[in-house]
C-alpha atoms as a PDB file:
ATOM      1  CA  UNK A   1       0.000   0.000   0.000  1.00  0.00           C
ATOM      2  CA  UNK A   2       1.338   3.378  -0.980  1.00  0.00           C
ATOM      3  CA  UNK A   3       1.514   6.248   1.402  1.00  0.00           C
ATOM      4  CA  UNK A   4      -0.265   9.403   0.154  1.00  0.00           C
ATOM      5  CA  UNK A   5       3.075  11.227  -0.027  1.00  0.00           C
ATOM      6  CA  UNK A   6       4.398   8.570  -2.420  1.00  0.00           C
ATOM      7  CA  UNK A   7       1.611   9.082  -4.997  1.00  0.00           C
ATOM      8  CA  UNK A   8       2.635  11.223  -7.942  1.00  0.00           C
ATOM      9  CA  UNK A   9       1.181  14.704  -7.673  1.00  0.00           C
ATOM     10  CA  UNK A  10       0.494  16.851 -10.755  1.00  0.00           C
ATOM     11  CA  UNK A  11       3.211  19.397 -11.366  1.00  0.00           C
ATOM     12  CA  UNK A  12       0.894  22.447 -11.348  1.00  0.00           C
ATOM     13  CA  UNK A  13      -0.568  21.869  -7.875  1.00  0.00           C
ATOM     14  CA  UNK A  14       0.317  24.795  -5.674  1.00  0.00           C
ATOM     15  CA  UNK A  15      -0.778  25.534  -2.149  1.00  0.00           C
ATOM     16  CA  UNK A  16      -3.723  27.960  -2.010  1.00  0.00           C
ATOM     17  CA  UNK A  17      -2.788  31.436  -1.012  1.00  0.00           C
ATOM     18  CA  UNK A  18      -5.253  33.493   1.023  1.00  0.00           C
ATOM     19  CA  UNK A  19      -6.072  35.534  -2.106  1.00  0.00           C
ATOM     20  CA  UNK A  20      -6.822  32.384  -4.162  1.00  0.00           C
ATOM     21  CA  UNK A  21      -8.888  30.924  -1.323  1.00  0.00           C
ATOM     22  CA  UNK A  22     -10.911  34.167  -1.040  1.00  0.00           C
ATOM     23  CA  UNK A  23     -11.519  34.191  -4.814  1.00  0.00           C
ATOM     24  CA  UNK A  24     -12.613  30.532  -4.740  1.00  0.00           C
ATOM     25  CA  UNK A  25     -14.939  31.248  -1.805  1.00  0.00           C
ATOM     26  CA  UNK A  26     -16.486  34.222  -3.645  1.00  0.00           C
ATOM     27  CA  UNK A  27     -17.036  32.081  -6.731  1.00  0.00           C
ATOM     28  CA  UNK A  28     -18.626  29.292  -4.651  1.00  0.00           C
ATOM     29  CA  UNK A  29     -20.805  31.809  -2.788  1.00  0.00           C
ATOM     30  CA  UNK A  30     -21.963  33.303  -6.087  1.00  0.00           C
ATOM     31  CA  UNK A  31     -22.855  29.878  -7.466  1.00  0.00           C
ATOM     32  CA  UNK A  32     -24.740  28.930  -4.300  1.00  0.00           C
ATOM     33  CA  UNK A  33     -26.689  32.212  -4.338  1.00  0.00           C
ATOM     34  CA  UNK A  34     -27.522  31.698  -8.006  1.00  0.00           C
ATOM     35  CA  UNK A  35     -28.690  28.149  -7.248  1.00  0.00           C
ATOM     36  CA  UNK A  36     -30.827  29.371  -4.307  1.00  0.00           C
ATOM     37  CA  UNK A  37     -32.410  32.107  -6.452  1.00  0.00           C
ATOM     38  CA  UNK A  38     -33.124  29.563  -9.193  1.00  0.00           C
ATOM     39  CA  UNK A  39     -34.695  27.157  -6.689  1.00  0.00           C
ATOM     40  CA  UNK A  40     -36.870  29.970  -5.286  1.00  0.00           C
ATOM     41  CA  UNK A  41     -37.974  31.032  -8.791  1.00  0.00           C
ATOM     42  CA  UNK A  42     -38.758  27.421  -9.698  1.00  0.00           C
ATOM     43  CA  UNK A  43     -40.801  26.989  -6.500  1.00  0.00           C
ATOM     44  CA  UNK A  44     -42.707  30.202  -7.173  1.00  0.00           C
ATOM     45  CA  UNK A  45     -43.384  29.113 -10.783  1.00  0.00           C
ATOM     46  CA  UNK A  46     -44.816  25.772  -9.623  1.00  0.00           C
ATOM     47  CA  UNK A  47     -48.117  27.393  -8.568  1.00  0.00           C
ATOM     48  CA  UNK A  48     -49.147  28.577 -12.058  1.00  0.00           C
ATOM     49  CA  UNK A  49     -47.563  25.506 -13.671  1.00  0.00           C
ATOM     50  CA  UNK A  50     -49.695  23.285 -11.427  1.00  0.00           C
ATOM     51  CA  UNK A  51     -52.767  25.249 -12.519  1.00  0.00           C
ATOM     52  CA  UNK A  52     -51.890  24.655 -16.183  1.00  0.00           C
ATOM     53  CA  UNK A  53     -51.330  20.955 -15.485  1.00  0.00           C
ATOM     54  CA  UNK A  54     -54.722  20.697 -13.757  1.00  0.00           C
ATOM     55  CA  UNK A  55     -56.410  22.480 -16.662  1.00  0.00           C
ATOM     56  CA  UNK A  56     -54.816  20.204 -19.257  1.00  0.00           C
ATOM     57  CA  UNK A  57     -55.304  16.910 -17.439  1.00  0.00           C
ATOM     58  CA  UNK A  58     -58.374  17.563 -15.299  1.00  0.00           C
ATOM     59  CA  UNK A  59     -56.395  16.538 -12.213  1.00  0.00           C
ATOM     60  CA  UNK A  60     -57.279  18.489  -9.069  1.00  0.00           C
ATOM     61  CA  UNK A  61     -60.662  19.660 -10.378  1.00  0.00           C
ATOM     62  CA  UNK A  62     -63.325  17.031  -9.956  1.00  0.00           C
ATOM     63  CA  UNK A  63     -65.798  19.010 -12.076  1.00  0.00           C
ATOM     64  CA  UNK A  64     -63.809  18.593 -15.308  1.00  0.00           C
ATOM     65  CA  UNK A  65     -65.631  15.388 -16.190  1.00  0.00           C
ATOM     66  CA  UNK A  66     -68.963  17.115 -15.706  1.00  0.00           C
ATOM     67  CA  UNK A  67     -67.938  20.000 -17.963  1.00  0.00           C
ATOM     68  CA  UNK A  68     -67.053  17.612 -20.795  1.00  0.00           C
ATOM     69  CA  UNK A  69     -70.166  15.470 -20.504  1.00  0.00           C
ATOM     70  CA  UNK A  70     -72.983  15.940 -22.985  1.00  0.00           C
ATOM     71  CA  UNK A  71     -76.315  16.619 -21.313  1.00  0.00           C
ATOM     72  CA  UNK A  72     -79.479  15.032 -22.687  1.00  0.00           C
ATOM     73  CA  UNK A  73     -81.635  17.490 -24.618  1.00  0.00           C
ATOM     74  CA  UNK A  74     -84.978  16.643 -22.996  1.00  0.00           C
ATOM     75  CA  UNK A  75     -85.545  18.183 -19.534  1.00  0.00           C
ATOM     76  CA  UNK A  76     -87.070  16.022 -16.823  1.00  0.00           C
ATOM     77  CA  UNK A  77     -89.875  18.243 -15.496  1.00  0.00           C
ATOM     78  CA  UNK A  78     -91.182  15.462 -13.262  1.00  0.00           C
ATOM     79  CA  UNK A  79     -88.140  15.635 -10.993  1.00  0.00           C
ATOM     80  CA  UNK A  80     -86.858  18.379  -8.677  1.00  0.00           C
ATOM     81  CA  UNK A  81     -83.306  18.569  -7.364  1.00  0.00           C
ATOM     82  CA  UNK A  82     -82.244  20.963  -4.609  1.00  0.00           C
ATOM     83  CA  UNK A  83     -78.955  22.694  -5.411  1.00  0.00           C
ATOM     84  CA  UNK A  84     -77.240  24.412  -2.466  1.00  0.00           C
ATOM     85  CA  UNK A  85     -74.612  27.114  -2.931  1.00  0.00           C
ATOM     86  CA  UNK A  86     -71.752  27.658  -0.487  1.00  0.00           C
ATOM     87  CA  UNK A  87     -68.757  29.989  -0.358  1.00  0.00           C
ATOM     88  CA  UNK A  88     -65.550  29.594   1.615  1.00  0.00           C
ATOM     89  CA  UNK A  89     -62.665  31.984   2.212  1.00  0.00           C
ATOM     90  CA  UNK A  90     -59.275  30.725   3.407  1.00  0.00           C
ATOM     91  CA  UNK A  91     -58.687  34.029   5.234  1.00  0.00           C
ATOM     92  CA  UNK A  92     -61.097  36.236   7.141  1.00  0.00           C
ATOM     93  CA  UNK A  93     -61.366  39.984   6.583  1.00  0.00           C
ATOM     94  CA  UNK A  94     -59.754  40.295   3.159  1.00  0.00           C
ATOM     95  CA  UNK A  95     -62.728  39.384   0.991  1.00  0.00           C
ATOM     96  CA  UNK A  96     -66.468  39.231   1.064  1.00  0.00           C
ATOM     97  CA  UNK A  97     -67.586  36.251  -1.002  1.00  0.00           C
ATOM     98  CA  UNK A  98     -71.072  34.758  -0.902  1.00  0.00           C
ATOM     99  CA  UNK A  99     -73.847  33.326  -3.052  1.00  0.00           C
ATOM    100  CA  UNK A 100     -76.840  35.609  -3.707  1.00  0.00           C
ATOM    101  CA  UNK A 101     -79.210  32.690  -3.002  1.00  0.00           C
ATOM    102  CA  UNK A 102     -78.462  29.801  -0.655  1.00  0.00           C
ATOM    103  CA  UNK A 103     -80.354  27.156  -2.654  1.00  0.00           C
ATOM    104  CA  UNK A 104     -82.758  26.602  -5.528  1.00  0.00           C
ATOM    105  CA  UNK A 105     -84.962  23.848  -6.913  1.00  0.00           C
ATOM    106  CA  UNK A 106     -84.037  22.763 -10.449  1.00  0.00           C
ATOM    107  CA  UNK A 107     -85.369  20.378 -13.071  1.00  0.00           C
ATOM    108  CA  UNK A 108     -82.682  18.142 -14.589  1.00  0.00           C
ATOM    109  CA  UNK A 109     -81.914  19.060 -18.192  1.00  0.00           C
ATOM    110  CA  UNK A 110     -82.792  22.772 -17.849  1.00  0.00           C
ATOM    111  CA  UNK A 111     -80.255  25.598 -17.865  1.00  0.00           C
ATOM    112  CA  UNK A 112     -80.095  27.735 -14.690  1.00  0.00           C
ATOM    113  CA  UNK A 113     -78.083  30.732 -13.561  1.00  0.00           C
ATOM    114  CA  UNK A 114     -77.057  31.750 -10.067  1.00  0.00           C
ATOM    115  CA  UNK A 115     -74.885  34.646  -8.892  1.00  0.00           C
ATOM    116  CA  UNK A 116     -72.099  34.889  -6.367  1.00  0.00           C
ATOM    117  CA  UNK A 117     -70.851  38.265  -5.135  1.00  0.00           C
ATOM    118  CA  UNK A 118     -67.185  39.023  -4.481  1.00  0.00           C
ATOM    119  CA  UNK A 119     -65.871  42.178  -2.812  1.00  0.00           C
ATOM    120  CA  UNK A 120     -62.126  42.926  -2.676  1.00  0.00           C
ATOM    121  CA  UNK A 121     -61.314  44.256   0.810  1.00  0.00           C
ATOM    122  CA  UNK A 122     -57.563  43.568   0.620  1.00  0.00           C
ATOM    123  CA  UNK A 123     -56.600  47.227   0.130  1.00  0.00           C
ATOM    124  CA  UNK A 124     -54.814  46.499  -3.160  1.00  0.00           C
ATOM    125  CA  UNK A 125     -55.487  45.438  -6.731  1.00  0.00           C
ATOM    126  CA  UNK A 126     -55.384  41.663  -6.892  1.00  0.00           C
ATOM    127  CA  UNK A 127     -56.153  38.584  -8.919  1.00  0.00           C
ATOM    128  CA  UNK A 128     -58.464  35.955  -7.441  1.00  0.00           C
ATOM    129  CA  UNK A 129     -59.385  32.411  -8.403  1.00  0.00           C
ATOM    130  CA  UNK A 130     -62.339  30.306  -7.307  1.00  0.00           C
ATOM    131  CA  UNK A 131     -61.894  26.557  -6.891  1.00  0.00           C
ATOM    132  CA  UNK A 132     -65.150  24.577  -7.217  1.00  0.00           C
ATOM    133  CA  UNK A 133     -66.289  21.481  -5.380  1.00  0.00           C
ATOM    134  CA  UNK A 134     -69.425  19.423  -5.969  1.00  0.00           C
ATOM    135  CA  UNK A 135     -70.930  16.958  -3.527  1.00  0.00           C
ATOM    136  CA  UNK A 136     -72.046  14.255  -3.173  1.00  0.00           C
ATOM    137  CA  UNK A 137     -69.482  12.459  -5.288  1.00  0.00           C
ATOM    138  CA  UNK A 138     -72.186  10.642  -7.294  1.00  0.00           C
ATOM    139  CA  UNK A 139     -73.341  14.029  -8.670  1.00  0.00           C
ATOM    140  CA  UNK A 140     -69.983  15.243 -10.012  1.00  0.00           C
ATOM    141  CA  UNK A 141     -70.329  13.661 -13.449  1.00  0.00           C
ATOM    142  CA  UNK A 142     -73.915  14.957 -13.777  1.00  0.00           C
ATOM    143  CA  UNK A 143     -73.451  18.627 -12.827  1.00  0.00           C
ATOM    144  CA  UNK A 144     -72.277  20.658 -15.803  1.00  0.00           C
ATOM    145  CA  UNK A 145     -71.227  24.311 -15.582  1.00  0.00           C
ATOM    146  CA  UNK A 146     -71.588  26.038 -18.957  1.00  0.00           C
ATOM    147  CA  UNK A 147     -70.352  29.412 -17.712  1.00  0.00           C
ATOM    148  CA  UNK A 148     -68.465  30.062 -14.498  1.00  0.00           C
ATOM    149  CA  UNK A 149     -66.235  32.701 -12.934  1.00  0.00           C
ATOM    150  CA  UNK A 150     -64.087  29.765 -11.781  1.00  0.00           C
ATOM    151  CA  UNK A 151     -62.911  29.049 -15.339  1.00  0.00           C
ATOM    152  CA  UNK A 152     -60.424  31.949 -15.318  1.00  0.00           C
ATOM    153  CA  UNK A 153     -58.606  34.124 -12.749  1.00  0.00           C
ATOM    154  CA  UNK A 154     -60.524  37.298 -11.892  1.00  0.00           C
ATOM    155  CA  UNK A 155     -58.874  40.741 -11.713  1.00  0.00           C
ATOM    156  CA  UNK A 156     -60.193  42.996  -8.943  1.00  0.00           C
ATOM    157  CA  UNK A 157     -59.413  46.649  -8.283  1.00  0.00           C
ATOM    158  CA  UNK A 158     -59.185  47.965  -4.717  1.00  0.00           C
ATOM    159  CA  UNK A 159     -62.634  47.785  -3.056  1.00  0.00           C
ATOM    160  CA  UNK A 160     -64.257  46.439  -6.247  1.00  0.00           C
ATOM    161  CA  UNK A 161     -67.460  44.475  -5.754  1.00  0.00           C
ATOM    162  CA  UNK A 162     -69.202  42.574  -8.526  1.00  0.00           C
ATOM    163  CA  UNK A 163     -71.632  39.771  -9.228  1.00  0.00           C
ATOM    164  CA  UNK A 164     -70.184  36.629 -10.763  1.00  0.00           C
ATOM    165  CA  UNK A 165     -72.545  34.285 -12.624  1.00  0.00           C
ATOM    166  CA  UNK A 166     -72.586  30.516 -12.794  1.00  0.00           C
ATOM    167  CA  UNK A 167     -74.725  28.824 -15.453  1.00  0.00           C
ATOM    168  CA  UNK A 168     -75.318  25.126 -14.995  1.00  0.00           C
ATOM    169  CA  UNK A 169     -77.348  22.106 -16.038  1.00  0.00           C
ATOM    170  CA  UNK A 170     -78.037  18.984 -14.007  1.00  0.00           C
ATOM    171  CA  UNK A 171     -77.980  15.971 -16.331  1.00  0.00           C
ATOM    172  CA  UNK A 172     -81.304  14.047 -16.319  1.00  0.00           C
ATOM    173  CA  UNK A 173     -79.235  10.850 -15.985  1.00  0.00           C
ATOM    174  CA  UNK A 174     -78.401  11.854 -12.370  1.00  0.00           C
ATOM    175  CA  UNK A 175     -79.017   8.745 -10.213  1.00  0.00           C
ATOM    176  CA  UNK A 176     -82.443   8.743  -8.572  1.00  0.00           C
ATOM    177  CA  UNK A 177     -80.995   8.446  -5.074  1.00  0.00           C
ATOM    178  CA  UNK A 178     -79.468  11.945  -5.407  1.00  0.00           C
ATOM    179  CA  UNK A 179     -81.984  14.695  -4.676  1.00  0.00           C
ATOM    180  CA  UNK A 180     -79.601  17.320  -3.276  1.00  0.00           C
ATOM    181  CA  UNK A 181     -76.370  18.722  -4.753  1.00  0.00           C
ATOM    182  CA  UNK A 182     -73.992  21.181  -3.109  1.00  0.00           C
ATOM    183  CA  UNK A 183     -71.877  23.508  -5.245  1.00  0.00           C
ATOM    184  CA  UNK A 184     -69.215  25.190  -3.143  1.00  0.00           C
ATOM    185  CA  UNK A 185     -66.355  27.491  -4.038  1.00  0.00           C
ATOM    186  CA  UNK A 186     -63.194  28.319  -2.153  1.00  0.00           C
ATOM    187  CA  UNK A 187     -62.090  31.795  -3.183  1.00  0.00           C
ATOM    188  CA  UNK A 188     -58.381  32.621  -3.082  1.00  0.00           C
ATOM    189  CA  UNK A 189     -56.610  35.834  -3.876  1.00  0.00           C
ATOM    190  CA  UNK A 190     -53.239  35.217  -5.524  1.00  0.00           C
ATOM    191  CA  UNK A 191     -51.223  36.148  -2.413  1.00  0.00           C
ATOM    192  CA  UNK A 192     -53.230  33.816  -0.149  1.00  0.00           C
ATOM    193  CA  UNK A 193     -52.965  30.902  -2.552  1.00  0.00           C
ATOM    194  CA  UNK A 194     -49.189  31.244  -2.957  1.00  0.00           C
ATOM    195  CA  UNK A 195     -48.741  31.614   0.801  1.00  0.00           C
ATOM    196  CA  UNK A 196     -50.729  28.444   1.593  1.00  0.00           C
ATOM    197  CA  UNK A 197     -48.746  26.148  -0.727  1.00  0.00           C
END
């Protein structure tokens, strides 16, 4: 076994002077800071990239199947379904967000419209996004939104308040055991959503 001193060393190896060591440390520090900034930017970009992925694949939004489903053309006037409307805010005091009506009776196969109201109380211009949820699970494939404020991010000015419509159809093929559907939205402003991830 050879001793480390007996191994041939390259000719150009010189001991590091304090100036060379300081330069190497600065270069390493610069690379580490660049890596950290890149990691932060990548992490920040994951939020909108995840939204694009969900839009393209339908993952994370259980209503995508319902939006793609074709509804039968003949309404079922013999049947009434109660649709309840809920609103949820992840933070208190920054937004007012609520449905105009709490529930309505609908006939499967007919087009209906309901309004939610959003009021920006954040003290700044912001972009908000609503994330829908439908329950019970058996109703997801039979509840179709034809127009919804949840399809795109919403720009709000400071203190802006506005109605936001949802147009929907309940498919007449909804199983007979389901007589009540809940449509709920969680409303995030862009800062809240990024902060919660």
